[in-house]
Protein backbone atom coordinates (compact mmCIF):
# COMPACT_ATOMS: atom_id res chain seq x y z
CA ALA A 1 -6.26 -52.32 167.07
CA PRO A 2 -7.69 -55.56 168.65
CA ALA A 3 -10.90 -57.04 168.02
CA ARG A 4 -12.09 -55.31 171.73
CA GLN A 5 -10.88 -51.80 172.15
CA PRO A 6 -10.48 -50.06 175.80
CA ARG A 7 -13.61 -48.24 176.77
CA PRO A 8 -12.39 -44.45 176.73
CA GLN A 9 -10.62 -45.09 173.32
CA LEU A 10 -14.26 -46.48 171.69
CA ALA A 11 -16.37 -43.68 173.41
CA ALA A 12 -14.11 -41.43 171.55
CA ARG A 13 -14.23 -42.88 168.42
CA ARG A 14 -17.94 -42.48 168.84
CA ASP A 15 -18.36 -39.08 169.88
CA ARG A 16 -16.49 -38.40 166.88
CA SER A 17 -18.37 -40.54 164.72
CA ARG A 18 -21.43 -39.06 165.90
CA GLY A 19 -20.12 -35.69 165.51
CA VAL A 20 -19.49 -36.36 161.82
CA ILE A 21 -23.14 -38.39 161.34
CA GLY A 22 -25.10 -35.62 162.96
CA ALA A 23 -23.79 -32.87 160.87
CA ALA A 24 -24.28 -34.41 157.70
CA ALA A 25 -27.93 -35.45 159.04
CA ALA A 26 -28.21 -31.82 159.67
CA ALA A 27 -27.28 -30.72 156.12
CA LEU A 28 -29.65 -33.55 154.51
CA ALA A 29 -32.38 -31.68 156.63
CA VAL A 30 -31.67 -28.24 154.97
CA PHE A 31 -31.55 -30.18 151.53
CA ALA A 32 -34.69 -31.98 151.88
CA ALA A 33 -36.59 -28.53 153.47
CA ALA A 34 -35.54 -26.36 150.19
CA SER A 35 -36.16 -29.40 147.43
CA LEU A 36 -39.38 -30.83 149.16
CA ALA A 37 -40.85 -28.05 150.58
CA PRO A 38 -44.62 -29.71 150.30
CA MET A 39 -43.48 -32.34 152.13
CA THR A 40 -44.03 -32.08 155.82
CA ALA A 41 -41.39 -32.26 158.37
CA MET A 42 -42.71 -35.45 159.87
CA ALA A 43 -42.71 -36.68 156.41
CA THR A 44 -38.79 -36.49 156.66
CA PRO A 45 -36.72 -39.09 157.71
CA PRO A 46 -34.55 -38.58 161.03
CA PHE A 47 -31.47 -40.60 159.65
CA LEU A 48 -29.51 -40.68 156.30
CA LEU A 49 -30.23 -43.24 153.42
CA PRO A 50 -27.82 -43.75 150.34
CA ASN A 51 -28.56 -41.89 147.18
CA GLY A 52 -32.10 -43.08 145.36
CA ALA A 53 -33.49 -44.99 148.77
CA ARG A 54 -36.81 -43.91 149.88
CA ALA A 55 -38.28 -44.05 153.47
CA GLU A 56 -41.97 -43.97 153.88
CA PRO A 57 -43.59 -42.91 157.15
CA LEU A 58 -46.18 -45.44 158.65
CA SER A 59 -48.83 -45.86 161.01
CA PRO A 60 -48.73 -49.11 163.27
CA ASP A 61 -52.43 -48.87 161.98
CA ARG A 62 -51.18 -49.59 158.61
CA ILE A 63 -49.02 -52.42 158.94
CA ALA A 64 -51.28 -55.24 158.14
CA GLY A 65 -50.52 -58.28 160.87
CA TRP A 66 -48.53 -55.46 163.89
CA ARG A 67 -51.13 -56.42 166.24
CA GLN A 68 -51.39 -60.29 166.14
CA ASP A 69 -47.48 -60.38 166.95
CA ASP A 70 -45.74 -61.76 169.98
CA HIS A 71 -44.67 -58.36 171.08
CA GLY A 72 -43.26 -59.47 174.65
CA ARG A 73 -40.94 -62.04 172.53
CA ALA A 74 -39.37 -59.19 170.22
CA PHE A 75 -39.12 -56.75 173.70
CA ALA A 76 -37.58 -59.11 175.62
CA ILE A 77 -34.96 -59.53 173.11
CA PHE A 78 -34.59 -56.05 172.35
CA ALA A 79 -34.52 -55.61 175.89
CA GLN A 80 -31.10 -57.32 176.34
CA GLY A 81 -29.72 -54.17 174.78
CA CYS A 82 -28.88 -52.41 171.97
CA MET A 83 -25.40 -54.39 171.85
CA ALA A 84 -22.11 -55.11 173.62
CA ASP A 85 -19.69 -53.01 174.55
CA PRO A 86 -17.96 -53.06 172.30
CA PRO A 87 -19.42 -55.17 169.60
CA LEU A 88 -17.72 -57.67 167.81
CA ARG A 89 -18.30 -56.13 164.30
CA GLN A 90 -18.38 -52.25 164.51
CA GLY A 91 -21.09 -50.64 162.71
CA VAL A 92 -22.60 -46.83 162.85
CA PRO A 93 -22.91 -44.91 166.11
CA VAL A 94 -25.80 -46.15 168.22
CA PRO A 95 -28.14 -42.99 168.49
CA GLU A 96 -28.30 -41.65 171.51
CA ALA A 97 -31.86 -42.01 171.54
CA LEU A 98 -31.69 -45.88 170.82
CA VAL A 99 -29.39 -46.07 173.92
CA ALA A 100 -31.98 -43.85 176.01
CA VAL A 101 -35.07 -45.99 174.33
CA CYS A 102 -32.93 -49.51 175.77
CA GLU A 103 -32.65 -48.34 179.15
CA LYS A 104 -36.08 -47.59 179.57
CA ALA A 105 -36.79 -50.93 177.95
CA LYS A 106 -34.51 -52.55 180.78
CA ALA A 107 -36.31 -50.42 183.59
CA LEU A 108 -39.47 -52.11 182.59
CA VAL A 109 -38.03 -55.57 183.16
CA ALA A 110 -36.80 -54.37 185.88
CA ALA A 111 -39.67 -53.65 187.19
CA GLY A 112 -41.77 -56.89 187.00
CA SER A 113 -43.21 -58.75 184.10
CA VAL A 114 -44.41 -56.88 180.88
CA SER A 115 -47.49 -58.32 179.16
CA ALA A 116 -47.89 -58.44 174.83
CA ASP A 117 -50.14 -55.06 175.31
CA GLN A 118 -47.52 -53.09 177.32
CA ALA A 119 -44.60 -54.47 174.72
CA ARG A 120 -47.17 -53.37 171.90
CA GLY A 121 -47.39 -49.98 173.26
CA PHE A 122 -43.85 -49.26 173.75
CA PHE A 123 -42.61 -49.94 170.46
CA GLU A 124 -45.63 -47.80 169.53
CA ARG A 125 -44.75 -45.16 172.06
CA ASN A 126 -41.27 -44.62 171.57
CA PHE A 127 -40.53 -45.19 167.85
CA SER A 128 -42.08 -43.42 164.37
CA PHE A 129 -41.96 -46.27 161.44
CA TRP A 130 -40.50 -45.96 158.69
CA ARG A 131 -40.71 -48.14 155.32
CA ILE A 132 -37.57 -48.35 153.49
CA ARG A 133 -37.50 -49.38 150.06
CA PRO A 134 -34.49 -49.02 147.96
CA ALA A 135 -33.20 -46.78 144.73
CA ASP A 136 -33.41 -50.35 142.25
CA ALA A 137 -36.87 -51.84 143.76
CA GLU A 138 -39.94 -51.27 145.09
CA THR A 139 -39.11 -54.04 148.32
CA GLY A 140 -36.51 -55.47 150.34
CA PHE A 141 -34.25 -58.40 149.65
CA MET A 142 -34.16 -61.31 152.19
CA THR A 143 -31.23 -64.32 152.49
CA GLY A 144 -31.42 -66.88 155.68
CA TYR A 145 -28.00 -67.47 157.18
CA PHE A 146 -27.72 -70.43 160.58
CA GLU A 147 -25.56 -71.91 162.33
CA PRO A 148 -23.69 -74.97 161.21
CA GLU A 149 -22.50 -77.64 163.01
CA PHE A 150 -19.36 -79.59 162.04
CA GLU A 151 -17.26 -82.04 163.46
CA GLY A 152 -13.09 -81.74 164.42
CA SER A 153 -10.55 -81.74 166.39
CA LEU A 154 -8.09 -79.93 168.38
CA THR A 155 -4.98 -81.83 166.93
CA ARG A 156 -4.50 -81.87 163.35
CA SER A 157 -4.76 -85.61 161.59
CA GLU A 158 -5.35 -86.96 158.58
CA ALA A 159 -9.23 -86.95 159.17
CA PHE A 160 -8.83 -83.60 160.18
CA PRO A 161 -6.21 -81.60 157.86
CA THR A 162 -7.93 -77.84 157.48
CA PRO A 163 -7.38 -75.29 160.25
CA LEU A 164 -9.24 -72.21 161.43
CA TYR A 165 -7.39 -69.47 162.92
CA ASP A 166 -7.69 -66.92 165.94
CA ARG A 167 -7.06 -63.76 164.95
CA PRO A 168 -3.92 -62.56 164.19
CA LYS A 169 -2.33 -60.18 166.31
CA ASP A 170 -1.63 -57.85 163.52
CA LEU A 171 -4.74 -57.46 162.28
CA VAL A 172 -6.07 -54.02 162.74
CA THR A 173 -10.11 -53.64 161.61
CA ARG A 174 -10.95 -50.37 159.79
CA PHE A 175 -13.36 -47.84 161.94
CA PRO A 176 -15.83 -45.69 159.46
CA GLU A 177 -13.56 -42.34 160.43
CA ASP A 178 -10.44 -44.07 159.84
CA ASP A 179 -7.93 -42.60 156.85
CA TRP A 180 -5.70 -45.58 155.72
CA PRO A 181 -3.79 -43.52 152.87
CA GLY A 182 -2.01 -45.29 149.98
CA LEU A 183 -4.70 -48.28 150.57
CA ASP A 184 -7.42 -49.00 148.93
CA LYS A 185 -10.57 -47.71 150.30
CA THR A 186 -12.70 -50.92 150.16
CA LEU A 187 -10.37 -52.67 152.69
CA SER A 188 -12.00 -52.87 156.19
CA ALA A 189 -8.34 -54.29 157.73
CA ALA A 190 -5.16 -54.12 157.27
CA ARG A 191 -1.87 -55.56 159.00
CA ARG A 192 0.43 -53.75 160.94
CA THR A 193 4.11 -53.72 159.76
CA ALA A 194 7.51 -52.02 160.48
CA LYS A 195 6.43 -49.95 157.54
CA GLY A 196 3.19 -49.00 158.18
CA LEU A 197 -0.07 -50.72 157.07
CA GLU A 198 -0.24 -52.54 154.58
CA PRO A 199 -3.01 -55.32 152.50
CA PHE A 200 -3.41 -58.63 154.48
CA PRO A 201 -2.24 -61.74 153.01
CA ASP A 202 -5.87 -63.01 150.68
CA ARG A 203 -7.07 -66.44 151.07
CA ALA A 204 -4.73 -68.06 148.68
CA ALA A 205 -1.65 -66.49 150.52
CA ILE A 206 -3.46 -68.01 153.95
CA GLU A 207 -4.22 -71.35 152.59
CA ASP A 208 -0.43 -71.60 151.36
CA GLY A 209 1.23 -70.57 154.35
CA ALA A 210 1.13 -66.64 155.08
CA LEU A 211 0.09 -67.64 159.12
CA ASP A 212 2.10 -70.21 159.66
CA GLY A 213 4.64 -70.85 162.54
CA GLN A 214 2.38 -68.08 164.43
CA GLY A 215 0.43 -70.80 166.73
CA LEU A 216 -2.85 -69.16 165.71
CA GLU A 217 -4.92 -72.87 164.25
CA ILE A 218 -7.58 -73.50 167.10
CA LEU A 219 -8.89 -76.60 165.61
CA TRP A 220 -9.38 -78.70 162.61
CA LEU A 221 -11.55 -79.61 160.35
CA ARG A 222 -12.17 -82.29 157.62
CA ASP A 223 -12.10 -80.22 154.64
CA PRO A 224 -12.12 -76.58 153.29
CA VAL A 225 -15.82 -76.63 152.62
CA ASP A 226 -16.45 -76.95 156.02
CA ARG A 227 -14.15 -73.78 156.48
CA PHE A 228 -15.97 -72.14 153.54
CA VAL A 229 -19.44 -72.50 155.40
CA LEU A 230 -18.43 -71.95 158.72
CA GLN A 231 -16.95 -68.66 157.36
CA VAL A 232 -19.79 -67.60 155.70
CA GLN A 233 -22.15 -67.99 158.29
CA GLY A 234 -19.95 -66.26 160.82
CA SER A 235 -20.25 -68.87 163.64
CA GLY A 236 -20.67 -72.25 164.53
CA ARG A 237 -20.67 -75.41 166.53
CA VAL A 238 -17.87 -78.15 165.97
CA ARG A 239 -18.46 -81.85 167.73
CA LEU A 240 -15.15 -82.67 168.85
CA PRO A 241 -13.90 -86.99 168.82
CA ASP A 242 -14.64 -87.21 172.57
CA GLY A 243 -18.50 -86.43 172.02
CA SER A 244 -17.89 -82.67 173.56
CA VAL A 245 -19.02 -79.55 171.29
CA THR A 246 -17.07 -76.24 171.62
CA ARG A 247 -18.73 -73.26 169.93
CA LEU A 248 -16.67 -70.74 167.27
CA VAL A 249 -17.49 -67.22 167.53
CA TYR A 250 -16.26 -64.01 164.73
CA SER A 251 -13.20 -62.30 165.85
CA GLY A 252 -12.00 -60.75 162.45
CA ARG A 253 -11.55 -60.77 158.75
CA ASN A 254 -8.50 -60.51 156.37
CA GLY A 255 -10.67 -57.26 154.92
CA LEU A 256 -10.93 -57.94 151.52
CA PRO A 257 -14.23 -57.67 149.88
CA TYR A 258 -16.41 -60.73 149.60
CA THR A 259 -16.94 -62.60 146.35
CA SER A 260 -20.71 -64.96 146.37
CA LEU A 261 -19.48 -68.37 145.21
CA GLY A 262 -23.11 -69.30 144.27
CA ARG A 263 -23.00 -66.35 142.16
CA VAL A 264 -20.00 -67.47 140.61
CA LEU A 265 -21.18 -71.26 139.90
CA SER A 266 -24.62 -70.01 138.71
CA GLN A 267 -22.94 -67.83 136.03
CA ARG A 268 -20.31 -70.31 135.27
CA GLU A 269 -22.64 -73.45 134.79
CA ASN A 270 -25.92 -71.78 133.60
CA ILE A 271 -28.09 -72.44 136.72
CA PRO A 272 -31.24 -70.27 137.37
CA PRO A 273 -30.24 -67.92 140.34
CA GLY A 274 -33.36 -68.80 142.43
CA GLU A 275 -32.35 -72.67 141.83
CA MET A 276 -28.56 -71.71 143.67
CA THR A 277 -29.34 -72.98 147.06
CA MET A 278 -26.57 -73.22 149.61
CA ASP A 279 -27.50 -77.35 149.43
CA ARG A 280 -26.80 -77.23 146.11
CA LEU A 281 -23.18 -75.13 145.76
CA ILE A 282 -21.96 -77.37 148.97
CA ALA A 283 -23.20 -80.67 146.84
CA ARG A 284 -21.24 -79.24 144.15
CA LEU A 285 -17.47 -78.35 146.39
CA LYS A 286 -17.81 -81.47 148.37
CA ALA A 287 -17.81 -83.88 145.07
CA ASP A 288 -14.71 -82.53 143.35
CA PRO A 289 -12.05 -81.44 145.76
CA VAL A 290 -9.83 -80.00 143.23
CA PHE A 291 -12.59 -77.99 142.18
CA ALA A 292 -13.50 -76.61 145.05
CA ARG A 293 -10.12 -75.36 145.76
CA ASP A 294 -10.14 -73.27 143.57
CA LEU A 295 -13.67 -72.36 142.86
CA ILE A 296 -13.20 -71.12 146.96
CA ARG A 297 -10.02 -69.40 146.75
CA LEU A 298 -11.93 -66.94 144.11
CA ASN A 299 -13.58 -65.84 147.49
CA ARG A 300 -10.57 -63.71 148.94
CA SER A 301 -11.68 -62.83 152.18
CA PHE A 302 -11.39 -65.02 155.16
CA VAL A 303 -12.65 -65.14 158.64
CA PHE A 304 -10.98 -65.88 162.24
CA PHE A 305 -12.63 -67.43 165.27
CA THR A 306 -12.50 -67.52 168.83
CA ARG A 307 -13.58 -70.70 170.91
CA ARG A 308 -16.16 -70.08 173.45
CA ASP A 309 -16.41 -73.14 175.82
CA ASP A 310 -18.60 -71.14 177.98
CA LEU A 311 -21.77 -70.54 175.94
CA PRO A 312 -24.12 -72.47 176.89
CA ALA A 313 -25.53 -75.49 174.48
CA GLU A 314 -29.36 -74.07 174.05
CA ALA A 315 -28.18 -70.30 173.36
CA GLY A 316 -27.91 -69.15 169.77
CA PRO A 317 -24.68 -67.79 168.38
CA ILE A 318 -23.44 -64.50 169.24
CA GLY A 319 -23.69 -61.82 166.62
CA GLY A 320 -21.85 -58.82 165.58
CA ALA A 321 -23.48 -56.68 167.92
CA GLY A 322 -21.94 -59.11 170.48
CA LEU A 323 -24.96 -60.99 171.50
CA PRO A 324 -26.80 -64.10 171.47
CA LEU A 325 -28.84 -64.22 168.11
CA THR A 326 -32.70 -65.90 168.08
CA PRO A 327 -34.02 -68.07 165.32
CA LEU A 328 -36.51 -65.77 163.47
CA ARG A 329 -36.01 -62.99 165.28
CA SER A 330 -32.26 -61.71 165.00
CA ILE A 331 -31.38 -60.36 161.73
CA ALA A 332 -28.45 -59.34 160.22
CA VAL A 333 -28.23 -55.67 158.43
CA ASP A 334 -25.60 -53.26 156.46
CA ARG A 335 -23.91 -51.65 159.42
CA HIS A 336 -22.94 -48.97 157.42
CA VAL A 337 -26.29 -47.94 157.13
CA TRP A 338 -28.16 -49.28 160.44
CA PRO A 339 -27.04 -49.24 164.02
CA TYR A 340 -27.38 -52.45 166.02
CA GLY A 341 -30.35 -52.98 168.24
CA LEU A 342 -33.00 -51.71 165.75
CA PRO A 343 -36.40 -52.75 165.46
CA VAL A 344 -37.17 -53.59 162.33
CA TRP A 345 -40.86 -54.98 161.10
CA ILE A 346 -40.50 -57.25 158.04
CA ASP A 347 -42.91 -59.27 156.34
CA ALA A 348 -42.26 -61.71 153.63
CA THR A 349 -43.27 -65.20 152.70
CA ILE A 350 -40.39 -67.99 152.29
CA PRO A 351 -39.77 -71.56 151.82
CA ASP A 352 -40.65 -73.43 155.11
CA GLY A 353 -38.15 -76.19 154.83
CA ALA A 354 -40.38 -78.73 153.50
CA GLY A 355 -41.87 -78.10 150.55
CA GLY A 356 -43.93 -75.06 151.04
CA ASP A 357 -44.11 -71.66 152.02
CA ALA A 358 -44.80 -69.71 155.30
CA HIS A 359 -45.81 -66.13 155.80
CA LEU A 360 -43.75 -64.33 158.18
CA ALA A 361 -44.69 -61.00 159.61
CA ARG A 362 -43.08 -60.13 162.37
CA LEU A 363 -41.28 -57.66 164.64
CA THR A 364 -36.73 -58.70 164.54
CA VAL A 365 -34.13 -56.80 166.02
CA ALA A 366 -30.72 -55.91 163.99
CA GLN A 367 -28.11 -57.79 165.64
CA ASP A 368 -25.73 -59.06 163.12
CA THR A 369 -23.99 -58.04 159.98
CA GLY A 370 -21.93 -59.48 156.93
CA SER A 371 -19.84 -59.17 154.10
CA ALA A 372 -22.63 -59.80 151.53
CA ILE A 373 -25.35 -57.54 153.58
CA LEU A 374 -25.50 -54.24 151.44
CA GLY A 375 -27.85 -52.04 151.25
CA PRO A 376 -30.48 -49.85 153.10
CA ALA A 377 -33.58 -52.70 152.75
CA ARG A 378 -31.01 -55.71 152.49
CA MET A 379 -31.58 -58.50 155.52
CA ASP A 380 -30.36 -61.41 156.34
CA LEU A 381 -32.85 -63.80 158.81
CA PHE A 382 -31.10 -65.87 160.99
CA VAL A 383 -32.89 -69.07 161.02
CA GLY A 384 -31.40 -71.42 163.69
CA SER A 385 -28.84 -73.74 164.41
CA GLY A 386 -28.09 -77.09 162.80
CA PRO A 387 -29.17 -79.21 159.15
CA VAL A 388 -32.99 -78.56 159.06
CA ALA A 389 -32.34 -74.62 159.81
CA GLY A 390 -29.53 -75.16 157.32
CA HIS A 391 -31.28 -76.25 155.07
CA ARG A 392 -34.66 -73.87 155.27
CA ALA A 393 -31.78 -70.85 155.33
CA GLY A 394 -30.01 -71.94 151.98
CA LEU A 395 -33.49 -71.75 150.06
CA ILE A 396 -34.57 -67.78 151.20
CA ARG A 397 -33.78 -65.43 148.86
CA HIS A 398 -37.33 -63.66 148.77
CA PRO A 399 -38.42 -60.30 148.54
CA VAL A 400 -39.22 -58.42 151.65
CA SER A 401 -41.18 -55.43 152.99
CA PHE A 402 -38.67 -53.58 155.33
CA THR A 403 -40.09 -51.66 158.09
CA VAL A 404 -37.49 -49.78 160.37
CA LEU A 405 -38.75 -48.57 163.93
CA TRP A 406 -36.56 -45.32 164.30
CA PRO A 407 -36.21 -43.85 167.72
CA ARG A 408 -38.38 -40.81 168.93
C-alpha cells in the first residue's frame, strides 16, 4: 500500500482497529475491577498501558505551573486538528472522543478569538488528567530533536555524491492489524515481490546499489553523515547552490529496527552516556569517513523522503501526524501507545543550549513519532530548526513528568 491510502480503505482499517482496541479496553477494565476492588471507577484509566506502567489521576489544580502556561498557544496548535487524513506515519486509531473534542476546538476558533482563560477552561472541561509512570521508573524520559539544514544539489557531482531517495514503489508499510505470515514481527515495512512480501534491503544493501536504476534519487548531499542526521531527525531543509531552499518530508522507511549509534559509540569508546551528545557523535563521524561508513551501517534502518517546495520557509517541518511542528510545543510519542493529537503536560529541567538550564512546564501536543521513541512516558521534544536548535536538542536526555490529557 502506498504511504497515502484512499480514505475509504483507511476508514475501514480504523474501524477494525477501533473494534480490537475497544474489546481489549473492555477486558482490561473488567480485570482491573476484579483485581483492584478498592479503586474507584475514576481511578481506572480509560486507555491501555504496557504491562507495569501506571496512570495516576490528577486534578489540574495539583499540577504546578498549570495556571501560568500560555494555554491560548497550546489551544491554537490543538485546534489545527488531531492529524491529517491519512497521517504520514500510521499510529493507533484516534479515539472518537478526541476527534469530537478537536471539532469543538475548531468550532470555537471559527466563532472568534479564544482567550487564554477560555482555552484553559476548554482543556479542563474536556479532558481528564493522568500522570504516566513507566514500569521501571518514577518519571518519563525526554530527548530533543530538530530540523537540520544542509547544503545539497539536485544533480550528482563530486561535491555532492550522497543520494537521498524517494519512497520506493514496492515498499509496503505495515499497519497494526496486518498479519504477515513468515515475516519477522518486528518489521514495520516490507517489499512487495512476485513471490509475496519479503524483507526490504537494509542500509548496507541500499548503499551498495540495491535501489539503483529506479530513478528514486531526489537530491544529493555532501556525505553520508549529513544523510544520517537527516534520517535520524526525520525531516530537514537543503540549501541548493542557487541559494534556494527545498524541504524534505518523511515518506517511509525500510522497516528494519533502528539502532542508536550514540549508544554503540558510547559503549565502544567508554564514553559516559551523559556525555554522548549529537554534536560529539557527528564530530567523531566527520573526522573519519571510513569509520563513519562502518558505524552508520550498523543502523540497518533507512529513511525515505519527499521534496516539498510548497512549504513556507517560516513553517515548521511536517511531523508524523501530517501537520507542521511548533518549537517547544510539539512532541513525538510512541505511536503504538498514544494517538496523534493528544495534549500532554510536560515538566522538566533541560539545558538551555547556552551552558545553563531552563525549567520547561507547559502543555504540548503529540504530533510526531520516531523509531526510537518507545514506551508510555517516552517523548522527543521538537526544539526548532537550524544549528542552534540542533545543539540544544542534542543535549537533552533528561527525566520528565509526563501527564496525558485524555478526552472525556
